[in-house]
Amino acid sequence: METQTIAAPDRALPPDVARRVWVVVAAYNEERRLGETLRGLCAVCPNVVVVDDGSSDGTERVALAHSVWVLRHVVNCGQGAALQTGIDFALRQGAEVVVTFDADGQHAADEQWGKAGGRLVEHQEAWAAHQALRDGEHLLLSAAQRAAAVMSLGGDLGK
C-alpha cells in the first residue's frame, strides 16, 4: 500500500500536547462534510491527521485547506486501513493517545473532545497514583480514587 505525505500543519504545537494527543480522521469522498469536521477538530486539538483513502472528489483539497497533516492512499483501502495508516503515523510522531474521529460531521468535535479529555485527565491522575504507590510513596487516596486507579491500570497497583 502506497501512502503519500501531502502536507504538514504550519502552526507551532504546544510541546505538552503535541507529543501526546492526536486525532486521526479517515476520509473517503467526504468533500462536502470534511471542512466543518476539521474546523471543529482544529479548534480543540492541534494534532489532527487526515487520511484521504483514495477519494475521487475534493476530499484532499478540503483537508489541505486546514492546518492538519494530510496522508493519502493512492487507491481506496477501506476505513480500517486508513485508520491504521493514521494511527501508525501519529505514533511515529510521538502520540501517547490517539483518538479516531468520523469525517462526516456526525459528531460535534467540541462535545466529543470534552468527553475524551475528561477520560485522559482521569487516566493521568490514576497513572500518577499508580506510579507513586509502586515507588513506595504514601498517598492519601479515597477508596474511590484507589479503585479507579486499580481499574484503569489493570489491577496491578502496589505490586
Foldseek 3Di string as FASTA:
>chain_A
DDKDWDDAADDDDDVVQQQAEAEEEEDAQQVPQQLQQLVQQVVPHVEYEYEHQCHPDCPVVSVVVHRYTYMYDVHHDDPVVSVVVRVVVSVVSNYNYYHYDYRRPPDGNVVVVVVVVVVVVLQVLLVVQQVCLCVVHDDDDDPVSPVSSCVSVVNPRND
